[in-house]
């Protein structure tokens, strides 16, 4: 499905728009179903959005947090996505332990993926999946030239082209099992990958089979026009 492109002046505006969208989607989900499930992404722009999100007045008791991917590092390693999420968002909110579902990637790719799989299977569809775009077109830890097994919702990742080489990632089908899909893309380094996506080239970010238009929030540096 061709995305809906939303262009902003800079990364700060992208983060601000993302925080507002997340908050509003949460409000609607809680009104309709009493719960909002959000899949978090790593990266600098999501981090800026999380800092803004924590300032909102929300019914945080109705939120559940998941992760799109994780690096196979010790639980409190500063390069883990979960560490960043706690540092800038989760530790500021009045949450119970059962509301935050971290990927146990410290167990290694195979075991971490196997442990997270039933949780993802039983939690679908997510209300919102938040993703970024790598310079090579990857999203979560789904990289170009890799074909993860189609029967798995959560996959082990070995020999990733960027460190650390071992990771755990939600698979395409799991990322697509959602009511909303939101990409945050900022910076000139993402310009080529975004251009490939806009031209219809198949990259991991374009392969998530949602039946609706994903929303892409992009700054002018990445858009390149």
N, C-alpha and C. Protein backbone atom coordinates (compact mmCIF):
# COMPACT_ATOMS: atom_id res chain seq x y z
N UNK A 1 0.85 -1.19 0.00
CA UNK A 1 0.00 0.00 0.00
C UNK A 1 0.89 1.25 0.00
N UNK A 2 0.60 2.19 -0.91
CA UNK A 2 1.35 3.43 -0.99
C UNK A 2 1.14 4.25 0.28
N UNK A 3 2.20 4.71 0.91
CA UNK A 3 2.03 5.47 2.15
C UNK A 3 1.42 6.85 1.91
N UNK A 4 0.96 7.44 2.99
CA UNK A 4 0.57 8.85 2.99
C UNK A 4 1.76 9.63 3.54
N UNK A 5 2.38 10.45 2.70
CA UNK A 5 3.57 11.19 3.08
C UNK A 5 3.18 12.51 3.75
N UNK A 6 3.74 12.77 4.93
CA UNK A 6 3.50 14.00 5.66
C UNK A 6 4.84 14.69 5.87
N UNK A 7 5.03 15.88 5.29
CA UNK A 7 6.33 16.53 5.28
C UNK A 7 6.35 17.67 6.30
N UNK A 8 7.41 17.69 7.11
CA UNK A 8 7.58 18.71 8.14
C UNK A 8 8.94 19.39 7.97
N UNK A 9 9.09 20.51 8.59
CA UNK A 9 10.30 21.31 8.40
C UNK A 9 11.53 20.60 8.94
N UNK A 10 11.42 20.00 10.11
CA UNK A 10 12.61 19.41 10.73
C UNK A 10 12.21 18.27 11.65
N UNK A 11 13.22 17.65 12.28
CA UNK A 11 12.99 16.48 13.13
C UNK A 11 12.15 16.83 14.35
N UNK A 12 12.30 18.05 14.87
CA UNK A 12 11.52 18.45 16.03
C UNK A 12 10.03 18.49 15.70
N UNK A 13 9.69 18.97 14.51
CA UNK A 13 8.28 19.00 14.11
C UNK A 13 7.75 17.59 13.90
N UNK A 14 8.57 16.70 13.36
CA UNK A 14 8.16 15.31 13.19
C UNK A 14 7.86 14.69 14.55
N UNK A 15 8.75 14.90 15.51
CA UNK A 15 8.55 14.34 16.84
C UNK A 15 7.28 14.89 17.49
N UNK A 16 7.05 16.19 17.33
CA UNK A 16 5.85 16.79 17.89
C UNK A 16 4.58 16.22 17.28
N UNK A 17 4.57 16.08 15.96
CA UNK A 17 3.40 15.51 15.29
C UNK A 17 3.19 14.06 15.71
N UNK A 18 4.28 13.31 15.84
CA UNK A 18 4.18 11.91 16.26
C UNK A 18 3.57 11.79 17.64
N UNK A 19 4.02 12.62 18.57
CA UNK A 19 3.48 12.57 19.93
C UNK A 19 1.99 12.86 19.94
N UNK A 20 1.56 13.83 19.13
CA UNK A 20 0.14 14.16 19.08
C UNK A 20 -0.67 13.02 18.47
N UNK A 21 -0.15 12.42 17.41
CA UNK A 21 -0.86 11.30 16.78
C UNK A 21 -0.99 10.12 17.74
N UNK A 22 0.11 9.79 18.42
CA UNK A 22 0.07 8.68 19.38
C UNK A 22 -0.97 8.95 20.46
N UNK A 23 -0.95 10.15 21.01
CA UNK A 23 -1.89 10.49 22.06
C UNK A 23 -3.34 10.41 21.61
N UNK A 24 -3.61 10.90 20.42
CA UNK A 24 -4.99 10.88 19.92
C UNK A 24 -5.44 9.46 19.58
N UNK A 25 -4.56 8.65 19.02
CA UNK A 25 -4.92 7.27 18.74
C UNK A 25 -5.19 6.52 20.04
N UNK A 26 -4.42 6.84 21.07
CA UNK A 26 -4.65 6.22 22.37
C UNK A 26 -6.03 6.59 22.90
N UNK A 27 -6.38 7.85 22.80
CA UNK A 27 -7.69 8.30 23.29
C UNK A 27 -8.82 7.57 22.60
N UNK A 28 -8.73 7.45 21.28
CA UNK A 28 -9.79 6.77 20.53
C UNK A 28 -9.84 5.29 20.89
N UNK A 29 -8.69 4.64 21.00
CA UNK A 29 -8.66 3.21 21.32
C UNK A 29 -9.26 2.94 22.69
N UNK A 30 -8.91 3.79 23.66
CA UNK A 30 -9.42 3.59 25.02
C UNK A 30 -10.92 3.85 25.08
N UNK A 31 -11.40 4.82 24.32
CA UNK A 31 -12.84 5.07 24.27
C UNK A 31 -13.59 3.88 23.69
N UNK A 32 -12.99 3.24 22.70
CA UNK A 32 -13.69 2.16 21.99
C UNK A 32 -13.50 0.80 22.64
N UNK A 33 -12.25 0.52 23.13
CA UNK A 33 -11.95 -0.83 23.60
C UNK A 33 -11.40 -0.87 25.02
N UNK A 34 -11.16 0.28 25.60
CA UNK A 34 -10.67 0.32 26.97
C UNK A 34 -9.19 0.06 27.13
N UNK A 35 -8.46 -0.03 26.02
CA UNK A 35 -7.03 -0.34 26.08
C UNK A 35 -6.34 0.20 24.84
N UNK A 36 -5.08 0.61 24.99
CA UNK A 36 -4.27 1.07 23.86
C UNK A 36 -2.95 0.32 23.88
N UNK A 37 -2.64 -0.37 22.78
CA UNK A 37 -1.39 -1.13 22.68
C UNK A 37 -0.48 -0.46 21.66
N UNK A 38 0.74 -0.15 22.10
CA UNK A 38 1.69 0.60 21.28
C UNK A 38 2.98 -0.18 21.15
N UNK A 39 3.44 -0.36 19.91
CA UNK A 39 4.74 -0.99 19.65
C UNK A 39 5.76 0.13 19.47
N UNK A 40 6.75 0.14 20.34
CA UNK A 40 7.75 1.20 20.35
C UNK A 40 8.90 0.91 19.39
N UNK A 41 9.50 1.98 18.87
CA UNK A 41 10.68 1.90 18.02
C UNK A 41 11.86 2.54 18.73
N UNK A 42 13.06 2.17 18.31
CA UNK A 42 14.26 2.84 18.78
C UNK A 42 14.61 4.00 17.86
N UNK A 43 15.65 4.75 18.22
CA UNK A 43 16.12 5.83 17.37
C UNK A 43 15.92 7.20 17.98
N UNK A 44 16.62 8.18 17.41
CA UNK A 44 16.64 9.53 17.97
C UNK A 44 15.30 10.24 17.83
N UNK A 45 14.64 10.10 16.68
CA UNK A 45 13.38 10.81 16.50
C UNK A 45 12.27 10.22 17.36
N UNK A 46 12.10 8.89 17.43
CA UNK A 46 11.15 8.36 18.41
C UNK A 46 11.47 8.80 19.83
N UNK A 47 12.74 8.87 20.19
CA UNK A 47 13.12 9.30 21.52
C UNK A 47 12.60 10.71 21.80
N UNK A 48 12.74 11.60 20.83
CA UNK A 48 12.23 12.96 21.00
C UNK A 48 10.71 12.96 21.14
N UNK A 49 10.04 12.09 20.39
CA UNK A 49 8.58 12.00 20.50
C UNK A 49 8.19 11.47 21.88
N UNK A 50 8.94 10.52 22.41
CA UNK A 50 8.62 9.97 23.73
C UNK A 50 8.75 11.04 24.82
N UNK A 51 9.73 11.90 24.68
CA UNK A 51 9.90 12.96 25.68
C UNK A 51 8.67 13.89 25.70
N UNK A 52 8.11 14.14 24.53
CA UNK A 52 6.91 14.97 24.45
C UNK A 52 5.68 14.20 24.93
N UNK A 53 5.63 12.93 24.60
CA UNK A 53 4.47 12.12 24.96
C UNK A 53 4.29 12.04 26.47
N UNK A 54 5.38 11.93 27.19
CA UNK A 54 5.28 11.76 28.65
C UNK A 54 4.70 13.00 29.34
N UNK A 55 4.69 14.14 28.65
CA UNK A 55 4.14 15.36 29.22
C UNK A 55 2.63 15.46 29.06
N UNK A 56 2.05 14.55 28.28
CA UNK A 56 0.61 14.60 28.05
C UNK A 56 -0.15 14.04 29.25
N UNK A 57 -1.38 14.51 29.40
CA UNK A 57 -2.27 13.98 30.43
C UNK A 57 -3.08 12.85 29.80
N UNK A 58 -2.74 11.63 30.15
CA UNK A 58 -3.40 10.46 29.58
C UNK A 58 -3.76 9.46 30.67
N UNK A 59 -4.67 8.58 30.36
CA UNK A 59 -5.01 7.49 31.28
C UNK A 59 -4.00 6.37 31.06
N UNK A 60 -2.83 6.52 31.65
CA UNK A 60 -1.72 5.59 31.40
C UNK A 60 -2.02 4.17 31.87
N UNK A 61 -2.97 4.01 32.76
CA UNK A 61 -3.31 2.66 33.24
C UNK A 61 -3.90 1.80 32.14
N UNK A 62 -4.32 2.44 31.04
CA UNK A 62 -4.95 1.71 29.92
C UNK A 62 -3.98 1.45 28.77
N UNK A 63 -2.72 1.77 28.96
CA UNK A 63 -1.73 1.60 27.90
C UNK A 63 -0.94 0.30 28.11
N UNK A 64 -0.56 -0.33 26.99
CA UNK A 64 0.38 -1.44 27.01
C UNK A 64 1.47 -1.17 25.99
N UNK A 65 2.71 -1.46 26.36
CA UNK A 65 3.86 -1.16 25.51
C UNK A 65 4.57 -2.45 25.09
N UNK A 66 4.86 -2.52 23.80
CA UNK A 66 5.62 -3.62 23.22
C UNK A 66 6.81 -3.01 22.47
N UNK A 67 7.65 -3.88 21.92
CA UNK A 67 8.82 -3.41 21.19
C UNK A 67 8.89 -4.09 19.83
N UNK A 68 9.26 -3.28 18.81
CA UNK A 68 9.36 -3.81 17.46
C UNK A 68 10.59 -4.66 17.25
N UNK A 69 11.67 -4.35 17.97
CA UNK A 69 12.89 -5.15 17.88
C UNK A 69 13.76 -4.83 19.08
N UNK A 70 14.76 -5.67 19.27
CA UNK A 70 15.68 -5.46 20.38
C UNK A 70 17.04 -6.05 20.04
N UNK A 71 18.07 -5.45 20.61
CA UNK A 71 19.44 -5.92 20.43
C UNK A 71 19.77 -6.93 21.52
N UNK A 72 20.51 -7.95 21.14
CA UNK A 72 20.86 -9.00 22.10
C UNK A 72 22.01 -8.53 22.98
N UNK A 73 21.65 -7.75 23.98
CA UNK A 73 22.57 -7.16 24.92
C UNK A 73 21.99 -7.36 26.32
N UNK A 74 22.80 -7.20 27.37
CA UNK A 74 22.27 -7.35 28.73
C UNK A 74 21.10 -6.41 28.98
N UNK A 75 20.21 -6.76 29.92
CA UNK A 75 18.95 -6.02 30.11
C UNK A 75 19.11 -4.52 30.31
N UNK A 76 20.15 -4.08 30.99
CA UNK A 76 20.29 -2.65 31.28
C UNK A 76 21.38 -1.99 30.45
N UNK A 77 21.71 -2.59 29.32
CA UNK A 77 22.71 -2.01 28.44
C UNK A 77 22.14 -0.75 27.79
N UNK A 78 22.90 0.34 27.77
CA UNK A 78 22.37 1.61 27.24
C UNK A 78 22.04 1.59 25.75
N UNK A 79 22.50 0.59 25.01
CA UNK A 79 22.18 0.53 23.59
C UNK A 79 20.92 -0.28 23.29
N UNK A 80 20.30 -0.79 24.32
CA UNK A 80 19.03 -1.50 24.11
C UNK A 80 17.89 -0.50 23.89
N UNK A 81 16.95 -0.86 23.02
CA UNK A 81 15.77 -0.02 22.81
C UNK A 81 14.96 0.11 24.09
N UNK A 82 14.88 -0.96 24.86
CA UNK A 82 14.11 -0.91 26.10
C UNK A 82 14.74 0.04 27.11
N UNK A 83 16.06 0.11 27.14
CA UNK A 83 16.75 1.03 28.06
C UNK A 83 16.38 2.47 27.71
N UNK A 84 16.45 2.79 26.42
CA UNK A 84 16.09 4.14 25.98
C UNK A 84 14.65 4.46 26.32
N UNK A 85 13.75 3.52 26.06
CA UNK A 85 12.33 3.76 26.32
C UNK A 85 12.06 4.02 27.80
N UNK A 86 12.73 3.27 28.65
CA UNK A 86 12.57 3.50 30.09
C UNK A 86 13.15 4.86 30.48
N UNK A 87 14.29 5.19 29.92
CA UNK A 87 15.00 6.40 30.32
C UNK A 87 14.24 7.66 29.97
N UNK A 88 13.54 7.66 28.83
CA UNK A 88 12.90 8.90 28.38
C UNK A 88 11.37 8.88 28.49
N UNK A 89 10.77 7.70 28.70
CA UNK A 89 9.31 7.64 28.72
C UNK A 89 8.76 6.78 29.86
N UNK A 90 9.05 5.51 29.85
CA UNK A 90 8.33 4.56 30.71
C UNK A 90 8.53 4.84 32.19
N UNK A 91 9.75 5.22 32.57
CA UNK A 91 10.01 5.46 33.99
C UNK A 91 9.35 6.73 34.51
N UNK A 92 8.81 7.54 33.62
CA UNK A 92 8.11 8.76 34.02
C UNK A 92 6.61 8.53 34.22
N UNK A 93 6.12 7.37 33.81
CA UNK A 93 4.69 7.12 33.81
C UNK A 93 4.29 6.20 34.96
N UNK A 94 3.07 6.36 35.46
CA UNK A 94 2.59 5.51 36.55
C UNK A 94 2.12 4.15 36.01
N UNK A 95 3.05 3.30 35.66
CA UNK A 95 2.75 2.02 35.03
C UNK A 95 2.95 0.87 36.01
N UNK A 96 2.19 -0.20 35.78
CA UNK A 96 2.43 -1.48 36.45
C UNK A 96 3.34 -2.32 35.57
N UNK A 97 4.04 -3.26 36.18
CA UNK A 97 5.00 -4.07 35.44
C UNK A 97 4.35 -4.81 34.28
N UNK A 98 3.09 -5.23 34.44
CA UNK A 98 2.44 -6.02 33.39
C UNK A 98 2.09 -5.19 32.16
N UNK A 99 2.27 -3.87 32.22
CA UNK A 99 1.95 -3.03 31.07
C UNK A 99 3.11 -2.89 30.09
N UNK A 100 4.30 -3.30 30.47
CA UNK A 100 5.49 -3.14 29.62
C UNK A 100 6.03 -4.52 29.27
N UNK A 101 6.08 -4.80 27.98
CA UNK A 101 6.47 -6.13 27.50
C UNK A 101 7.79 -6.02 26.73
N UNK A 102 8.88 -6.21 27.43
CA UNK A 102 10.20 -6.14 26.80
C UNK A 102 10.55 -7.47 26.12
N UNK A 103 11.31 -7.38 25.04
CA UNK A 103 11.80 -8.58 24.37
C UNK A 103 12.99 -9.13 25.18
N UNK A 104 12.97 -10.40 25.58
CA UNK A 104 14.08 -10.95 26.36
C UNK A 104 15.28 -11.29 25.48
N UNK A 105 15.78 -10.29 24.78
CA UNK A 105 16.86 -10.51 23.81
C UNK A 105 18.17 -10.89 24.48
N UNK A 106 18.29 -10.64 25.79
CA UNK A 106 19.51 -11.03 26.49
C UNK A 106 19.69 -12.55 26.50
N UNK A 107 18.62 -13.29 26.17
CA UNK A 107 18.69 -14.75 26.10
C UNK A 107 19.28 -15.23 24.78
N UNK A 108 19.51 -14.33 23.85
CA UNK A 108 20.00 -14.69 22.53
C UNK A 108 18.90 -14.64 21.50
N UNK A 109 19.25 -14.60 20.22
CA UNK A 109 18.24 -14.43 19.17
C UNK A 109 17.16 -15.52 19.16
N UNK A 110 17.57 -16.78 19.24
CA UNK A 110 16.61 -17.87 19.12
C UNK A 110 15.67 -17.92 20.32
N UNK A 111 16.24 -17.93 21.51
CA UNK A 111 15.42 -18.04 22.71
C UNK A 111 14.59 -16.78 22.92
N UNK A 112 15.19 -15.61 22.67
CA UNK A 112 14.44 -14.37 22.82
C UNK A 112 13.24 -14.31 21.91
N UNK A 113 13.41 -14.73 20.66
CA UNK A 113 12.30 -14.73 19.71
C UNK A 113 11.23 -15.73 20.12
N UNK A 114 11.66 -16.91 20.55
CA UNK A 114 10.70 -17.95 20.95
C UNK A 114 9.88 -17.52 22.15
N UNK A 115 10.49 -16.81 23.09
CA UNK A 115 9.78 -16.36 24.29
C UNK A 115 8.78 -15.24 23.97
N UNK A 116 9.12 -14.38 23.03
CA UNK A 116 8.25 -13.23 22.71
C UNK A 116 7.11 -13.61 21.77
N UNK A 117 7.29 -14.69 21.02
CA UNK A 117 6.31 -15.10 20.00
C UNK A 117 4.89 -15.28 20.56
N UNK A 118 4.67 -16.07 21.61
CA UNK A 118 3.28 -16.25 22.08
C UNK A 118 2.66 -14.96 22.60
N UNK A 119 3.46 -14.09 23.19
CA UNK A 119 2.93 -12.81 23.65
C UNK A 119 2.42 -11.98 22.48
N UNK A 120 3.20 -11.91 21.42
CA UNK A 120 2.77 -11.17 20.23
C UNK A 120 1.53 -11.81 19.62
N UNK A 121 1.53 -13.14 19.55
CA UNK A 121 0.38 -13.82 18.94
C UNK A 121 -0.91 -13.52 19.70
N UNK A 122 -0.82 -13.46 21.01
CA UNK A 122 -2.02 -13.26 21.82
C UNK A 122 -2.39 -11.80 22.01
N UNK A 123 -1.52 -10.88 21.58
CA UNK A 123 -1.77 -9.45 21.79
C UNK A 123 -2.22 -8.74 20.53
N UNK A 124 -2.21 -9.39 19.40
CA UNK A 124 -2.63 -8.77 18.15
C UNK A 124 -4.14 -8.60 18.10
N UNK A 125 -4.60 -7.61 17.30
CA UNK A 125 -3.82 -6.60 16.60
C UNK A 125 -3.41 -5.46 17.53
N UNK A 126 -2.22 -4.93 17.31
CA UNK A 126 -1.78 -3.75 18.05
C UNK A 126 -2.56 -2.53 17.57
N UNK A 127 -2.74 -1.58 18.45
CA UNK A 127 -3.42 -0.36 18.03
C UNK A 127 -2.52 0.51 17.15
N UNK A 128 -1.24 0.59 17.50
CA UNK A 128 -0.32 1.41 16.71
C UNK A 128 1.07 0.80 16.76
N UNK A 129 1.68 0.68 15.60
CA UNK A 129 3.07 0.25 15.47
C UNK A 129 3.88 1.45 15.00
N UNK A 130 4.91 1.78 15.76
CA UNK A 130 5.78 2.90 15.45
C UNK A 130 7.10 2.35 14.90
N UNK A 131 7.54 2.88 13.76
CA UNK A 131 8.74 2.38 13.10
C UNK A 131 9.60 3.53 12.57
N UNK A 132 10.86 3.22 12.35
CA UNK A 132 11.78 4.13 11.68
C UNK A 132 12.21 3.54 10.34
N UNK A 133 13.13 4.23 9.71
CA UNK A 133 13.67 3.81 8.42
C UNK A 133 15.18 3.93 8.47
N UNK A 134 15.88 2.82 8.21
CA UNK A 134 17.34 2.85 8.19
C UNK A 134 17.87 3.38 6.88
N UNK A 135 19.13 3.72 6.87
CA UNK A 135 19.75 4.26 5.66
C UNK A 135 19.74 3.25 4.52
N UNK A 136 19.67 1.96 4.86
CA UNK A 136 19.61 0.91 3.84
C UNK A 136 18.19 0.45 3.56
N UNK A 137 17.20 1.11 4.16
CA UNK A 137 15.81 0.74 3.96
C UNK A 137 15.27 -0.22 4.99
N UNK A 138 16.09 -0.60 5.97
CA UNK A 138 15.57 -1.56 6.95
C UNK A 138 14.61 -0.86 7.91
N UNK A 139 13.76 -1.67 8.53
CA UNK A 139 12.88 -1.19 9.58
C UNK A 139 12.80 -2.26 10.65
N UNK A 140 12.58 -1.85 11.91
CA UNK A 140 12.80 -2.76 13.04
C UNK A 140 14.19 -3.37 12.83
N UNK A 141 14.33 -4.70 12.92
CA UNK A 141 15.60 -5.32 12.54
C UNK A 141 15.40 -6.26 11.36
N UNK A 142 14.60 -5.81 10.40
CA UNK A 142 14.38 -6.51 9.14
C UNK A 142 15.21 -5.80 8.08
N UNK A 143 16.25 -6.49 7.60
CA UNK A 143 17.24 -5.87 6.74
C UNK A 143 17.09 -6.32 5.29
N UNK A 144 17.57 -5.51 4.34
CA UNK A 144 17.51 -5.90 2.92
C UNK A 144 18.26 -7.19 2.67
N UNK A 145 17.75 -7.96 1.73
CA UNK A 145 18.41 -9.20 1.35
C UNK A 145 18.18 -10.35 2.29
N UNK A 146 17.38 -10.16 3.30
CA UNK A 146 17.06 -11.23 4.26
C UNK A 146 15.61 -11.67 4.06
N UNK A 147 15.38 -12.96 4.14
CA UNK A 147 14.03 -13.49 4.04
C UNK A 147 13.70 -14.26 5.30
N UNK A 148 13.15 -13.61 6.30
CA UNK A 148 12.80 -14.32 7.53
C UNK A 148 11.70 -15.34 7.28
N UNK A 149 11.64 -16.39 8.08
CA UNK A 149 10.60 -17.42 7.89
C UNK A 149 9.21 -16.82 8.01
N UNK A 150 8.34 -17.16 7.08
CA UNK A 150 7.02 -16.55 7.04
C UNK A 150 6.08 -17.08 8.11
N UNK A 151 6.44 -18.21 8.73
CA UNK A 151 5.55 -18.79 9.74
C UNK A 151 5.86 -18.29 11.14
N UNK A 152 6.76 -17.32 11.27
CA UNK A 152 7.13 -16.80 12.58
C UNK A 152 6.69 -15.34 12.71
N UNK A 153 6.10 -15.00 13.85
CA UNK A 153 5.75 -13.61 14.13
C UNK A 153 6.94 -12.83 14.68
N UNK A 154 7.83 -13.52 15.37
CA UNK A 154 9.03 -12.93 15.94
C UNK A 154 10.22 -13.75 15.47
N UNK A 155 11.24 -13.08 14.94
CA UNK A 155 12.33 -13.81 14.30
C UNK A 155 13.67 -13.47 14.93
N UNK A 156 14.56 -14.48 15.00
CA UNK A 156 15.94 -14.21 15.40
C UNK A 156 16.70 -13.59 14.26
N UNK A 157 17.60 -12.68 14.56
CA UNK A 157 18.41 -12.01 13.55
C UNK A 157 19.88 -12.26 13.88
N UNK A 158 20.59 -12.84 12.90
CA UNK A 158 22.02 -13.09 13.03
C UNK A 158 22.77 -12.28 11.97
N UNK A 159 23.98 -11.91 12.27
CA UNK A 159 24.85 -11.22 11.31
C UNK A 159 24.18 -9.97 10.73
N UNK A 160 23.55 -9.19 11.58
CA UNK A 160 22.97 -7.92 11.12
C UNK A 160 24.08 -7.03 10.55
N UNK A 161 23.80 -6.28 9.48
CA UNK A 161 24.84 -5.45 8.86
C UNK A 161 25.25 -4.24 9.68
N UNK A 162 24.57 -3.97 10.77
CA UNK A 162 25.00 -2.92 11.68
C UNK A 162 25.03 -3.51 13.09
N UNK A 163 25.98 -3.08 13.92
CA UNK A 163 26.12 -3.69 15.23
C UNK A 163 24.96 -3.30 16.17
N UNK A 164 24.69 -4.18 17.13
CA UNK A 164 25.26 -5.52 17.31
C UNK A 164 24.67 -6.50 16.30
N UNK A 165 25.40 -7.56 15.98
CA UNK A 165 24.96 -8.45 14.91
C UNK A 165 23.78 -9.34 15.27
N UNK A 166 23.54 -9.57 16.56
CA UNK A 166 22.46 -10.45 16.97
C UNK A 166 21.32 -9.62 17.56
N UNK A 167 20.09 -9.93 17.09
CA UNK A 167 18.92 -9.16 17.45
C UNK A 167 17.68 -10.06 17.45
N UNK A 168 16.60 -9.51 17.91
CA UNK A 168 15.28 -10.13 17.81
C UNK A 168 14.35 -9.09 17.21
N UNK A 169 13.50 -9.50 16.27
CA UNK A 169 12.63 -8.54 15.59
C UNK A 169 11.24 -9.12 15.37
N UNK A 170 10.24 -8.26 15.50
CA UNK A 170 8.93 -8.63 14.99
C UNK A 170 9.05 -8.80 13.47
N UNK A 171 8.37 -9.81 12.96
CA UNK A 171 8.39 -10.10 11.53
C UNK A 171 7.36 -9.23 10.80
N UNK A 172 7.40 -9.30 9.48
CA UNK A 172 6.50 -8.47 8.68
C UNK A 172 5.03 -8.67 9.06
N UNK A 173 4.63 -9.93 9.23
CA UNK A 173 3.24 -10.21 9.56
C UNK A 173 2.82 -9.66 10.90
N UNK A 174 3.72 -9.70 11.87
CA UNK A 174 3.41 -9.16 13.19
C UNK A 174 3.29 -7.64 13.14
N UNK A 175 4.20 -6.98 12.42
CA UNK A 175 4.12 -5.52 12.29
C UNK A 175 2.86 -5.09 11.54
N UNK A 176 2.40 -5.93 10.64
CA UNK A 176 1.20 -5.60 9.86
C UNK A 176 -0.08 -5.84 10.64
N UNK A 177 -0.02 -6.58 11.73
CA UNK A 177 -1.20 -6.89 12.50
C UNK A 177 -1.49 -5.73 13.46
N UNK A 178 -2.01 -4.66 12.89
CA UNK A 178 -2.19 -3.42 13.65
C UNK A 178 -3.33 -2.61 13.06
N UNK A 179 -3.77 -1.66 13.85
CA UNK A 179 -4.81 -0.73 13.40
C UNK A 179 -4.21 0.56 12.86
N UNK A 180 -2.94 0.80 13.14
CA UNK A 180 -2.26 1.99 12.65
C UNK A 180 -0.77 1.73 12.53
N UNK A 181 -0.15 2.26 11.49
CA UNK A 181 1.28 2.09 11.24
C UNK A 181 1.87 3.46 10.96
N UNK A 182 2.84 3.86 11.80
CA UNK A 182 3.40 5.21 11.73
C UNK A 182 4.91 5.13 11.63
N UNK A 183 5.47 5.68 10.55
CA UNK A 183 6.91 5.77 10.34
C UNK A 183 7.39 7.18 10.65
N UNK A 184 8.55 7.28 11.30
CA UNK A 184 9.22 8.56 11.53
C UNK A 184 10.54 8.53 10.79
N UNK A 185 10.73 9.47 9.86
CA UNK A 185 11.92 9.47 9.00
C UNK A 185 12.51 10.87 8.98
N UNK A 186 13.71 11.01 9.52
CA UNK A 186 14.34 12.34 9.58
C UNK A 186 15.82 12.26 9.22
N UNK A 187 16.32 13.33 8.67
CA UNK A 187 17.75 13.46 8.41
C UNK A 187 18.15 13.14 6.98
N UNK A 188 19.15 13.85 6.50
CA UNK A 188 19.61 13.70 5.12
C UNK A 188 20.12 12.29 4.83
N UNK A 189 20.62 11.60 5.85
CA UNK A 189 21.15 10.25 5.65
C UNK A 189 20.07 9.27 5.20
N UNK A 190 18.81 9.59 5.44
CA UNK A 190 17.71 8.70 5.06
C UNK A 190 17.16 9.01 3.67
N UNK A 191 17.75 10.02 3.00
CA UNK A 191 17.16 10.52 1.76
C UNK A 191 17.12 9.46 0.66
N UNK A 192 18.20 8.69 0.50
CA UNK A 192 18.24 7.70 -0.57
C UNK A 192 17.24 6.58 -0.32
N UNK A 193 17.18 6.10 0.92
CA UNK A 193 16.23 5.03 1.23
C UNK A 193 14.80 5.50 1.02
N UNK A 194 14.52 6.73 1.42
CA UNK A 194 13.18 7.26 1.23
C UNK A 194 12.87 7.44 -0.26
N UNK A 195 13.87 7.89 -1.03
CA UNK A 195 13.67 8.03 -2.47
C UNK A 195 13.37 6.68 -3.12
N UNK A 196 14.08 5.65 -2.68
CA UNK A 196 13.81 4.30 -3.20
C UNK A 196 12.38 3.88 -2.90
N UNK A 197 11.94 4.14 -1.70
CA UNK A 197 10.58 3.79 -1.29
C UNK A 197 9.56 4.54 -2.14
N UNK A 198 9.79 5.83 -2.34
CA UNK A 198 8.85 6.65 -3.11
C UNK A 198 8.78 6.21 -4.56
N UNK A 199 9.89 5.69 -5.08
CA UNK A 199 9.92 5.24 -6.48
C UNK A 199 9.34 3.84 -6.65
N UNK A 200 8.94 3.22 -5.57
CA UNK A 200 8.33 1.89 -5.66
C UNK A 200 9.30 0.74 -5.52
N UNK A 201 10.55 1.04 -5.18
CA UNK A 201 11.50 -0.05 -4.99
C UNK A 201 11.15 -0.81 -3.72
N UNK A 202 11.27 -2.13 -3.77
CA UNK A 202 10.96 -2.94 -2.61
C UNK A 202 12.09 -2.88 -1.60
N UNK A 203 11.82 -2.32 -0.45
CA UNK A 203 12.75 -2.30 0.67
C UNK A 203 11.99 -2.85 1.87
N UNK A 204 12.68 -3.24 2.93
CA UNK A 204 11.94 -3.80 4.08
C UNK A 204 10.81 -2.91 4.58
N UNK A 205 11.01 -1.61 4.63
CA UNK A 205 9.96 -0.72 5.12
C UNK A 205 8.70 -0.76 4.27
N UNK A 206 8.84 -1.09 3.00
CA UNK A 206 7.69 -1.11 2.09
C UNK A 206 7.00 -2.47 2.04
N UNK A 207 7.54 -3.44 2.75
CA UNK A 207 7.03 -4.81 2.63
C UNK A 207 6.02 -5.20 3.71
N UNK A 208 5.66 -4.29 4.58
CA UNK A 208 4.73 -4.62 5.65
C UNK A 208 3.31 -4.62 5.06
N UNK A 209 2.65 -5.77 5.03
CA UNK A 209 1.42 -5.92 4.24
C UNK A 209 0.16 -5.44 4.95
N UNK A 210 0.10 -4.15 5.27
CA UNK A 210 -1.11 -3.61 5.89
C UNK A 210 -2.14 -3.30 4.80
N UNK A 211 -3.43 -3.44 5.13
CA UNK A 211 -4.48 -3.17 4.14
C UNK A 211 -4.92 -1.71 4.11
N UNK A 212 -4.12 -0.83 4.67
CA UNK A 212 -4.44 0.59 4.71
C UNK A 212 -3.16 1.38 4.45
N UNK A 213 -3.30 2.68 4.25
CA UNK A 213 -2.14 3.53 4.00
C UNK A 213 -1.35 3.77 5.28
N UNK A 214 -0.08 3.37 5.33
CA UNK A 214 0.74 3.78 6.47
C UNK A 214 0.96 5.29 6.43
N UNK A 215 1.10 5.87 7.60
CA UNK A 215 1.44 7.29 7.70
C UNK A 215 2.95 7.42 7.87
N UNK A 216 3.57 8.25 7.05
CA UNK A 216 5.00 8.51 7.14
C UNK A 216 5.22 9.98 7.46
N UNK A 217 5.82 10.28 8.58
CA UNK A 217 6.16 11.64 8.96
C UNK A 217 7.64 11.85 8.63
N UNK A 218 7.91 12.79 7.74
CA UNK A 218 9.26 12.96 7.21
C UNK A 218 9.66 14.42 7.24
N UNK A 219 10.92 14.70 7.56
CA UNK A 219 11.36 16.09 7.54
C UNK A 219 11.94 16.45 6.17
N UNK A 220 12.16 17.73 5.96
CA UNK A 220 12.62 18.20 4.65
C UNK A 220 14.01 17.67 4.30
N UNK A 221 14.84 17.46 5.29
CA UNK A 221 16.17 16.93 5.02
C UNK A 221 16.11 15.54 4.42
N UNK A 222 15.20 14.72 4.89
CA UNK A 222 15.04 13.37 4.35
C UNK A 222 14.27 13.38 3.03
N UNK A 223 13.32 14.29 2.90
CA UNK A 223 12.50 14.34 1.68
C UNK A 223 13.34 14.78 0.49
N UNK A 224 14.18 15.78 0.70
CA UNK A 224 15.14 16.14 -0.35
C UNK A 224 14.58 16.98 -1.47
N UNK A 225 13.48 17.64 -1.28
CA UNK A 225 12.93 18.51 -2.33
C UNK A 225 12.56 19.85 -1.72
